Amino acid sequence: MQFSPVQPVRAYQRIVEQVEDALARGELVPGQRLPSERELVAQFAVSRSTVREALRVLESNGVVRSRPGDPNGPEILPFSQVALRKQMVRLARVEEVTLSELIGFRMIMDGAAIQVASRLRTPEELDELEQTLVAMRTAIDVDFDAFSQADLAFHELIARISRNSLIQTCNEVVRGVVLGLISDKIAHAPNSRALMLESLHHHAEVVDAIRTGNGNAAARLARQNMFDYYAGYVPDSEQETLRALIEE
C-alpha cells in the first residue's frame, strides 16, 4: 500500500478553520464580536503571534474587522462580494480555477438569468434594457472601460430582473475576475472596436428574444455571445468544453 504525503497544518490555520466553521454553523453571526486577543490566546492555547496571524488571515478574507486600540474583540462582518471576489481571484491566480472554467461558469449563470428574466420582465424593465443598449452604443465611441461599465449595467439589470440576488452576486464577481485577467488584452487589441460592436449586436439580439418571451433562444444567444467574445483567450484544447455549453 502506498500512503500519500502529509501536509503540515499550522496552528493559525486551525484557528481560521474553527472561526469559519462556527460562522457556517450559525454559532457566530455578523455584528457579533470574537473574544479579545488575550482570551483567544487562552482558549486556543497558542501564542499571541499565532492568534494575530489567524486574525490577519480572517481579516484578509473579509470575515472579521479589527480596529487598533479597540478593547473589544474583532467584529464578524456580513457577507460581501468583495470577500468572494478576493477568493475567486486567488483561485484563478494560483491556477486552481482556469480561465475557461470561469468563462464556462459565466455562460451557465448568465444564460440561466436571461432565461428567467425573459419570463419575469415587466414592460418598464424591458425599456431599461433598451436604455442599456443605448449606453453601450454610446460608450463604444469613448473607450473600452466605458463600454465595460455599460456592459456591466446590462448584466446587473438582467440579474435584478431574474429576482435572484445570488445570481446577481455570482455574475458580478465572476465577470469581474474574468475581466481582471484579460481586460487589458481586449482594450489594446487591434480589433477592440470591432469586438465591442459585435458584442453590442449580440446583446441587442438577446433583448429581442427577451421581448418576445423566448427564454431558450435568449439564453442560447447569450452563451454564444460569451463564447465568441472570450474563447480566443483560452487554449484550443479547452474551447470544445465551452462550445458544448452553448446548446445546453
C-alpha atoms as a PDB file:
ATOM      1  CA  MET A   1       0.000   0.000   0.000  1.00  0.00           C
ATOM      2  CA  GLN A   2       1.224   3.498  -0.871  1.00  0.00           C
ATOM      3  CA  PHE A   3       0.439   6.368   1.515  1.00  0.00           C
ATOM      4  CA  SER A   4       0.228   9.994   0.433  1.00  0.00           C
ATOM      5  CA  PRO A   5       2.499  12.644   1.930  1.00  0.00           C
ATOM      6  CA  VAL A   6       1.003  14.522   4.877  1.00  0.00           C
ATOM      7  CA  GLN A   7       0.724  18.276   4.558  1.00  0.00           C
ATOM      8  CA  PRO A   8       1.697  20.120   7.744  1.00  0.00           C
ATOM      9  CA  VAL A   9      -1.015  22.401   9.138  1.00  0.00           C
ATOM     10  CA  ARG A  10      -0.009  25.444  11.115  1.00  0.00           C
ATOM     11  CA  ALA A  11      -1.802  26.390  14.310  1.00  0.00           C
ATOM     12  CA  TYR A  12      -3.166  29.668  12.911  1.00  0.00           C
ATOM     13  CA  GLN A  13      -4.855  27.725  10.099  1.00  0.00           C
ATOM     14  CA  ARG A  14      -6.724  25.648  12.661  1.00  0.00           C
ATOM     15  CA  ILE A  15      -7.944  28.856  14.313  1.00  0.00           C
ATOM     16  CA  VAL A  16      -9.144  30.184  10.967  1.00  0.00           C
ATOM     17  CA  GLU A  17     -10.973  26.909  10.290  1.00  0.00           C
ATOM     18  CA  GLN A  18     -12.700  26.953  13.683  1.00  0.00           C
ATOM     19  CA  VAL A  19     -13.920  30.521  13.255  1.00  0.00           C
ATOM     20  CA  GLU A  20     -15.156  29.914   9.701  1.00  0.00           C
ATOM     21  CA  ASP A  21     -16.845  26.651  10.734  1.00  0.00           C
ATOM     22  CA  ALA A  22     -18.615  28.413  13.619  1.00  0.00           C
ATOM     23  CA  LEU A  23     -19.804  31.073  11.185  1.00  0.00           C
ATOM     24  CA  ALA A  24     -21.071  28.424   8.752  1.00  0.00           C
ATOM     25  CA  ARG A  25     -22.997  26.683  11.568  1.00  0.00           C
ATOM     26  CA  GLY A  26     -24.584  29.938  12.681  1.00  0.00           C
ATOM     27  CA  GLU A  27     -22.810  29.936  16.034  1.00  0.00           C
ATOM     28  CA  LEU A  28     -21.234  33.231  15.002  1.00  0.00           C
ATOM     29  CA  VAL A  29     -23.269  35.884  13.206  1.00  0.00           C
ATOM     30  CA  PRO A  30     -22.430  39.236  11.552  1.00  0.00           C
ATOM     31  CA  GLY A  31     -22.070  42.000  14.097  1.00  0.00           C
ATOM     32  CA  GLN A  32     -21.008  39.619  16.860  1.00  0.00           C
ATOM     33  CA  ARG A  33     -17.601  40.033  18.464  1.00  0.00           C
ATOM     34  CA  LEU A  34     -14.920  37.419  18.901  1.00  0.00           C
ATOM     35  CA  PRO A  35     -13.261  37.262  22.317  1.00  0.00           C
ATOM     36  CA  SER A  36     -10.380  39.640  22.945  1.00  0.00           C
ATOM     37  CA  GLU A  37      -6.926  38.724  21.736  1.00  0.00           C
ATOM     38  CA  ARG A  38      -5.907  37.715  25.254  1.00  0.00           C
ATOM     39  CA  GLU A  39      -8.947  35.459  25.622  1.00  0.00           C
ATOM     40  CA  LEU A  40      -8.303  33.879  22.225  1.00  0.00           C
ATOM     41  CA  VAL A  41      -4.726  33.096  23.256  1.00  0.00           C
ATOM     42  CA  ALA A  42      -6.056  31.318  26.343  1.00  0.00           C
ATOM     43  CA  GLN A  43      -8.882  29.465  24.572  1.00  0.00           C
ATOM     44  CA  PHE A  44      -6.743  28.194  21.696  1.00  0.00           C
ATOM     45  CA  ALA A  45      -3.690  27.627  23.927  1.00  0.00           C
ATOM     46  CA  VAL A  46      -1.357  29.235  21.387  1.00  0.00           C
ATOM     47  CA  SER A  47       0.967  32.212  21.304  1.00  0.00           C
ATOM     48  CA  ARG A  48      -0.175  35.780  20.763  1.00  0.00           C
ATOM     49  CA  SER A  49       1.628  35.869  17.400  1.00  0.00           C
ATOM     50  CA  THR A  50      -0.324  32.799  16.239  1.00  0.00           C
ATOM     51  CA  VAL A  51      -3.646  34.438  17.134  1.00  0.00           C
ATOM     52  CA  ARG A  52      -2.608  37.625  15.382  1.00  0.00           C
ATOM     53  CA  GLU A  53      -1.693  35.696  12.233  1.00  0.00           C
ATOM     54  CA  ALA A  54      -5.077  33.941  12.273  1.00  0.00           C
ATOM     55  CA  LEU A  55      -6.883  37.263  12.687  1.00  0.00           C
ATOM     56  CA  ARG A  56      -4.825  38.754   9.866  1.00  0.00           C
ATOM     57  CA  VAL A  57      -5.948  35.936   7.550  1.00  0.00           C
ATOM     58  CA  LEU A  58      -9.571  36.230   8.651  1.00  0.00           C
ATOM     59  CA  GLU A  59      -9.485  39.961   8.063  1.00  0.00           C
ATOM     60  CA  SER A  60      -7.888  39.500   4.648  1.00  0.00           C
ATOM     61  CA  ASN A  61     -10.679  37.051   3.769  1.00  0.00           C
ATOM     62  CA  GLY A  62     -13.315  39.592   4.776  1.00  0.00           C
ATOM     63  CA  VAL A  63     -14.542  37.536   7.724  1.00  0.00           C
ATOM     64  CA  VAL A  64     -13.656  39.900  10.575  1.00  0.00           C
ATOM     65  CA  ARG A  65     -12.640  43.502  11.127  1.00  0.00           C
ATOM     66  CA  SER A  66     -10.203  44.583  13.822  1.00  0.00           C
ATOM     67  CA  ARG A  67      -9.696  48.151  14.978  1.00  0.00           C
ATOM     68  CA  PRO A  68      -6.392  49.193  16.532  1.00  0.00           C
ATOM     69  CA  GLY A  69      -6.878  50.021  20.189  1.00  0.00           C
ATOM     70  CA  ASP A  70     -10.390  48.576  20.302  1.00  0.00           C
ATOM     71  CA  PRO A  71     -10.810  46.861  23.696  1.00  0.00           C
ATOM     72  CA  ASN A  72     -13.439  44.544  22.216  1.00  0.00           C
ATOM     73  CA  GLY A  73     -12.651  41.550  20.063  1.00  0.00           C
ATOM     74  CA  PRO A  74     -12.741  41.559  16.240  1.00  0.00           C
ATOM     75  CA  GLU A  75     -16.181  42.067  14.695  1.00  0.00           C
ATOM     76  CA  ILE A  76     -17.733  39.399  12.466  1.00  0.00           C
ATOM     77  CA  LEU A  77     -18.550  41.014   9.116  1.00  0.00           C
ATOM     78  CA  PRO A  78     -21.591  40.316   6.917  1.00  0.00           C
ATOM     79  CA  PHE A  79     -21.047  38.507   3.627  1.00  0.00           C
ATOM     80  CA  SER A  80     -19.738  40.782   0.894  1.00  0.00           C
ATOM     81  CA  GLN A  81     -18.989  40.452  -2.805  1.00  0.00           C
ATOM     82  CA  VAL A  82     -15.533  41.859  -2.113  1.00  0.00           C
ATOM     83  CA  ALA A  83     -14.631  38.862   0.035  1.00  0.00           C
ATOM     84  CA  LEU A  84     -15.958  36.406  -2.540  1.00  0.00           C
ATOM     85  CA  ARG A  85     -14.142  38.194  -5.341  1.00  0.00           C
ATOM     86  CA  LYS A  86     -10.854  38.038  -3.437  1.00  0.00           C
ATOM     87  CA  GLN A  87     -11.183  34.300  -3.009  1.00  0.00           C
ATOM     88  CA  MET A  88     -12.027  33.700  -6.663  1.00  0.00           C
ATOM     89  CA  VAL A  89      -9.202  35.928  -7.862  1.00  0.00           C
ATOM     90  CA  ARG A  90      -6.855  33.995  -5.595  1.00  0.00           C
ATOM     91  CA  LEU A  91      -8.095  30.693  -7.004  1.00  0.00           C
ATOM     92  CA  ALA A  92      -7.674  31.927 -10.562  1.00  0.00           C
ATOM     93  CA  ARG A  93      -4.202  33.313  -9.976  1.00  0.00           C
ATOM     94  CA  VAL A  94      -2.859  30.114  -8.471  1.00  0.00           C
ATOM     95  CA  GLU A  95      -4.466  28.238 -11.389  1.00  0.00           C
ATOM     96  CA  GLU A  96      -6.781  26.123  -9.271  1.00  0.00           C
ATOM     97  CA  VAL A  97      -9.611  27.547 -11.368  1.00  0.00           C
ATOM     98  CA  THR A  98      -8.827  28.090 -15.035  1.00  0.00           C
ATOM     99  CA  LEU A  99      -9.986  30.990 -17.163  1.00  0.00           C
ATOM    100  CA  SER A 100     -12.077  28.599 -19.269  1.00  0.00           C
ATOM    101  CA  GLU A 101     -13.816  27.323 -16.116  1.00  0.00           C
ATOM    102  CA  LEU A 102     -14.640  30.883 -15.090  1.00  0.00           C
ATOM    103  CA  ILE A 103     -15.977  31.673 -18.560  1.00  0.00           C
ATOM    104  CA  GLY A 104     -17.980  28.440 -18.580  1.00  0.00           C
ATOM    105  CA  PHE A 105     -19.497  29.330 -15.216  1.00  0.00           C
ATOM    106  CA  ARG A 106     -20.459  32.733 -16.582  1.00  0.00           C
ATOM    107  CA  MET A 107     -22.062  31.160 -19.639  1.00  0.00           C
ATOM    108  CA  ILE A 108     -24.189  28.908 -17.435  1.00  0.00           C
ATOM    109  CA  MET A 109     -25.183  31.567 -14.893  1.00  0.00           C
ATOM    110  CA  ASP A 110     -25.781  34.352 -17.399  1.00  0.00           C
ATOM    111  CA  GLY A 111     -27.833  32.060 -19.612  1.00  0.00           C
ATOM    112  CA  ALA A 112     -29.957  30.984 -16.648  1.00  0.00           C
ATOM    113  CA  ALA A 113     -30.520  34.589 -15.534  1.00  0.00           C
ATOM    114  CA  ILE A 114     -31.558  35.651 -19.036  1.00  0.00           C
ATOM    115  CA  GLN A 115     -33.907  32.694 -19.390  1.00  0.00           C
ATOM    116  CA  VAL A 116     -35.669  33.617 -16.152  1.00  0.00           C
ATOM    117  CA  ALA A 117     -35.636  37.347 -16.976  1.00  0.00           C
ATOM    118  CA  SER A 118     -37.382  36.714 -20.284  1.00  0.00           C
ATOM    119  CA  ARG A 119     -40.353  35.339 -18.338  1.00  0.00           C
ATOM    120  CA  LEU A 120     -40.427  37.797 -15.450  1.00  0.00           C
ATOM    121  CA  ARG A 121     -39.536  41.094 -17.082  1.00  0.00           C
ATOM    122  CA  THR A 122     -42.045  43.921 -16.975  1.00  0.00           C
ATOM    123  CA  PRO A 123     -42.582  46.462 -19.782  1.00  0.00           C
ATOM    124  CA  GLU A 124     -40.707  49.008 -17.674  1.00  0.00           C
ATOM    125  CA  GLU A 125     -37.741  46.650 -17.245  1.00  0.00           C
ATOM    126  CA  LEU A 126     -37.706  45.971 -20.974  1.00  0.00           C
ATOM    127  CA  ASP A 127     -37.438  49.724 -21.509  1.00  0.00           C
ATOM    128  CA  GLU A 128     -34.493  49.769 -19.088  1.00  0.00           C
ATOM    129  CA  LEU A 129     -32.783  47.049 -21.118  1.00  0.00           C
ATOM    130  CA  GLU A 130     -33.242  49.126 -24.251  1.00  0.00           C
ATOM    131  CA  GLN A 131     -31.604  52.053 -22.482  1.00  0.00           C
ATOM    132  CA  THR A 132     -28.582  49.947 -21.528  1.00  0.00           C
ATOM    133  CA  LEU A 133     -28.120  49.154 -25.236  1.00  0.00           C
ATOM    134  CA  VAL A 134     -28.145  52.876 -25.989  1.00  0.00           C
ATOM    135  CA  ALA A 135     -25.499  53.416 -23.304  1.00  0.00           C
ATOM    136  CA  MET A 136     -23.350  50.611 -24.724  1.00  0.00           C
ATOM    137  CA  ARG A 137     -23.632  52.072 -28.230  1.00  0.00           C
ATOM    138  CA  THR A 138     -22.539  55.494 -26.955  1.00  0.00           C
ATOM    139  CA  ALA A 139     -19.669  54.032 -24.907  1.00  0.00           C
ATOM    140  CA  ILE A 140     -18.062  52.429 -27.969  1.00  0.00           C
ATOM    141  CA  ASP A 141     -17.007  55.911 -29.089  1.00  0.00           C
ATOM    142  CA  VAL A 142     -15.432  56.613 -25.708  1.00  0.00           C
ATOM    143  CA  ASP A 143     -13.195  53.667 -24.769  1.00  0.00           C
ATOM    144  CA  PHE A 144     -13.244  50.065 -23.602  1.00  0.00           C
ATOM    145  CA  ASP A 145     -13.592  50.999 -19.927  1.00  0.00           C
ATOM    146  CA  ALA A 146     -16.763  52.974 -20.658  1.00  0.00           C
ATOM    147  CA  PHE A 147     -18.134  50.107 -22.750  1.00  0.00           C
ATOM    148  CA  SER A 148     -17.270  47.637 -19.987  1.00  0.00           C
ATOM    149  CA  GLN A 149     -19.200  49.718 -17.456  1.00  0.00           C
ATOM    150  CA  ALA A 150     -22.222  49.890 -19.760  1.00  0.00           C
ATOM    151  CA  ASP A 151     -21.997  46.136 -20.322  1.00  0.00           C
ATOM    152  CA  LEU A 152     -21.860  45.611 -16.552  1.00  0.00           C
ATOM    153  CA  ALA A 153     -25.030  47.688 -16.167  1.00  0.00           C
ATOM    154  CA  PHE A 154     -26.759  45.431 -18.715  1.00  0.00           C
ATOM    155  CA  HIS A 155     -25.857  42.221 -16.873  1.00  0.00           C
ATOM    156  CA  GLU A 156     -26.659  43.701 -13.461  1.00  0.00           C
ATOM    157  CA  LEU A 157     -30.091  44.634 -14.760  1.00  0.00           C
ATOM    158  CA  ILE A 158     -30.630  41.110 -16.142  1.00  0.00           C
ATOM    159  CA  ALA A 159     -29.689  39.644 -12.758  1.00  0.00           C
ATOM    160  CA  ARG A 160     -32.043  42.055 -11.000  1.00  0.00           C
ATOM    161  CA  ILE A 161     -34.902  41.147 -13.336  1.00  0.00           C
ATOM    162  CA  SER A 162     -34.284  37.470 -12.552  1.00  0.00           C
ATOM    163  CA  ARG A 163     -35.261  38.302  -8.939  1.00  0.00           C
ATOM    164  CA  ASN A 164     -32.323  36.281  -7.580  1.00  0.00           C
ATOM    165  CA  SER A 165     -29.680  38.119  -5.566  1.00  0.00           C
ATOM    166  CA  LEU A 166     -27.310  35.126  -5.607  1.00  0.00           C
ATOM    167  CA  ILE A 167     -27.264  35.106  -9.407  1.00  0.00           C
ATOM    168  CA  GLN A 168     -26.524  38.811  -9.307  1.00  0.00           C
ATOM    169  CA  THR A 169     -23.649  38.342  -6.882  1.00  0.00           C
ATOM    170  CA  CYS A 170     -22.084  35.380  -8.702  1.00  0.00           C
ATOM    171  CA  ASN A 171     -22.369  37.002 -12.121  1.00  0.00           C
ATOM    172  CA  GLU A 172     -20.846  40.263 -10.927  1.00  0.00           C
ATOM    173  CA  VAL A 173     -17.986  38.563  -9.130  1.00  0.00           C
ATOM    174  CA  VAL A 174     -17.067  36.101 -11.885  1.00  0.00           C
ATOM    175  CA  ARG A 175     -17.358  38.772 -14.569  1.00  0.00           C
ATOM    176  CA  GLY A 176     -15.008  40.983 -12.589  1.00  0.00           C
ATOM    177  CA  VAL A 177     -12.483  38.180 -12.175  1.00  0.00           C
ATOM    178  CA  VAL A 178     -12.569  37.277 -15.877  1.00  0.00           C
ATOM    179  CA  LEU A 179     -12.151  40.881 -16.993  1.00  0.00           C
ATOM    180  CA  GLY A 180      -9.444  41.411 -14.414  1.00  0.00           C
ATOM    181  CA  LEU A 181      -7.470  38.643 -16.095  1.00  0.00           C
ATOM    182  CA  ILE A 182      -7.940  39.682 -19.739  1.00  0.00           C
ATOM    183  CA  SER A 183      -9.414  43.212 -19.937  1.00  0.00           C
ATOM    184  CA  ASP A 184      -6.049  44.739 -20.800  1.00  0.00           C
ATOM    185  CA  LYS A 185      -5.709  42.367 -23.761  1.00  0.00           C
ATOM    186  CA  ILE A 186      -9.188  43.271 -25.018  1.00  0.00           C
ATOM    187  CA  ALA A 187      -8.727  47.002 -24.533  1.00  0.00           C
ATOM    188  CA  HIS A 188      -5.462  47.029 -26.501  1.00  0.00           C
ATOM    189  CA  ALA A 189      -6.478  44.519 -29.168  1.00  0.00           C
ATOM    190  CA  PRO A 190      -6.191  45.935 -32.703  1.00  0.00           C
ATOM    191  CA  ASN A 191      -9.828  44.943 -33.305  1.00  0.00           C
ATOM    192  CA  SER A 192     -11.113  46.223 -29.968  1.00  0.00           C
ATOM    193  CA  ARG A 193     -13.796  48.413 -31.589  1.00  0.00           C
ATOM    194  CA  ALA A 194     -14.959  45.533 -33.772  1.00  0.00           C
ATOM    195  CA  LEU A 195     -15.242  43.328 -30.681  1.00  0.00           C
ATOM    196  CA  MET A 196     -17.371  45.930 -28.921  1.00  0.00           C
ATOM    197  CA  LEU A 197     -19.640  46.368 -31.959  1.00  0.00           C
ATOM    198  CA  GLU A 198     -20.071  42.610 -32.246  1.00  0.00           C
ATOM    199  CA  SER A 199     -20.865  42.357 -28.532  1.00  0.00           C
ATOM    200  CA  LEU A 200     -23.447  45.145 -28.845  1.00  0.00           C
ATOM    201  CA  HIS A 201     -25.086  43.323 -31.755  1.00  0.00           C
ATOM    202  CA  HIS A 202     -25.343  40.114 -29.721  1.00  0.00           C
ATOM    203  CA  HIS A 203     -26.779  41.985 -26.724  1.00  0.00           C
ATOM    204  CA  ALA A 204     -29.425  43.520 -28.992  1.00  0.00           C
ATOM    205  CA  GLU A 205     -30.335  40.027 -30.236  1.00  0.00           C
ATOM    206  CA  VAL A 206     -30.713  38.864 -26.644  1.00  0.00           C
ATOM    207  CA  VAL A 207     -33.027  41.784 -25.852  1.00  0.00           C
ATOM    208  CA  ASP A 208     -35.121  40.987 -28.939  1.00  0.00           C
ATOM    209  CA  ALA A 209     -35.520  37.398 -27.738  1.00  0.00           C
ATOM    210  CA  ILE A 210     -36.412  38.598 -24.231  1.00  0.00           C
ATOM    211  CA  ARG A 211     -39.007  40.933 -25.750  1.00  0.00           C
ATOM    212  CA  THR A 212     -40.748  38.004 -27.453  1.00  0.00           C
ATOM    213  CA  GLY A 213     -40.539  35.889 -24.291  1.00  0.00           C
ATOM    214  CA  ASN A 214     -38.355  33.266 -25.938  1.00  0.00           C
ATOM    215  CA  GLY A 215     -36.165  32.423 -22.957  1.00  0.00           C
ATOM    216  CA  ASN A 216     -34.445  29.446 -24.544  1.00  0.00           C
ATOM    217  CA  ALA A 217     -33.371  31.465 -27.571  1.00  0.00           C
ATOM    218  CA  ALA A 218     -32.272  34.390 -25.413  1.00  0.00           C
ATOM    219  CA  ALA A 219     -30.165  32.133 -23.182  1.00  0.00           C
ATOM    220  CA  ARG A 220     -28.557  30.394 -26.148  1.00  0.00           C
ATOM    221  CA  LEU A 221     -27.717  33.731 -27.786  1.00  0.00           C
ATOM    222  CA  ALA A 222     -26.155  34.919 -24.532  1.00  0.00           C
ATOM    223  CA  ARG A 223     -23.978  31.821 -24.233  1.00  0.00           C
ATOM    224  CA  GLN A 224     -22.943  32.086 -27.894  1.00  0.00           C
ATOM    225  CA  ASN A 225     -22.078  35.749 -27.415  1.00  0.00           C
ATOM    226  CA  MET A 226     -19.921  34.964 -24.413  1.00  0.00           C
ATOM    227  CA  PHE A 227     -18.167  32.129 -26.237  1.00  0.00           C
ATOM    228  CA  ASP A 228     -17.438  34.310 -29.277  1.00  0.00           C
ATOM    229  CA  TYR A 229     -16.152  37.137 -27.083  1.00  0.00           C
ATOM    230  CA  TYR A 230     -13.895  35.138 -24.774  1.00  0.00           C
ATOM    231  CA  ALA A 231     -12.986  31.819 -26.425  1.00  0.00           C
ATOM    232  CA  GLY A 232      -9.955  33.282 -28.162  1.00  0.00           C
ATOM    233  CA  TYR A 233      -8.330  33.850 -24.774  1.00  0.00           C
ATOM    234  CA  VAL A 234      -8.386  30.180 -23.713  1.00  0.00           C
ATOM    235  CA  PRO A 235      -6.353  27.269 -25.116  1.00  0.00           C
ATOM    236  CA  ASP A 236      -7.802  25.470 -28.143  1.00  0.00           C
ATOM    237  CA  SER A 237      -7.943  22.247 -26.123  1.00  0.00           C
ATOM    238  CA  GLU A 238     -10.427  23.837 -23.689  1.00  0.00           C
ATOM    239  CA  GLN A 239     -12.663  25.552 -26.225  1.00  0.00           C
ATOM    240  CA  GLU A 240     -14.649  22.411 -27.017  1.00  0.00           C
ATOM    241  CA  THR A 241     -15.858  22.229 -23.421  1.00  0.00           C
ATOM    242  CA  LEU A 242     -17.098  25.809 -23.642  1.00  0.00           C
ATOM    243  CA  ARG A 243     -18.700  25.170 -27.019  1.00  0.00           C
ATOM    244  CA  ALA A 244     -20.692  22.300 -25.524  1.00  0.00           C
ATOM    245  CA  LEU A 245     -22.307  24.744 -23.107  1.00  0.00           C
ATOM    246  CA  ILE A 246     -23.832  26.833 -25.899  1.00  0.00           C
ATOM    247  CA  GLU A 247     -26.541  24.292 -26.720  1.00  0.00           C
ATOM    248  CA  GLU A 248     -27.178  23.444 -23.064  1.00  0.00           C
END
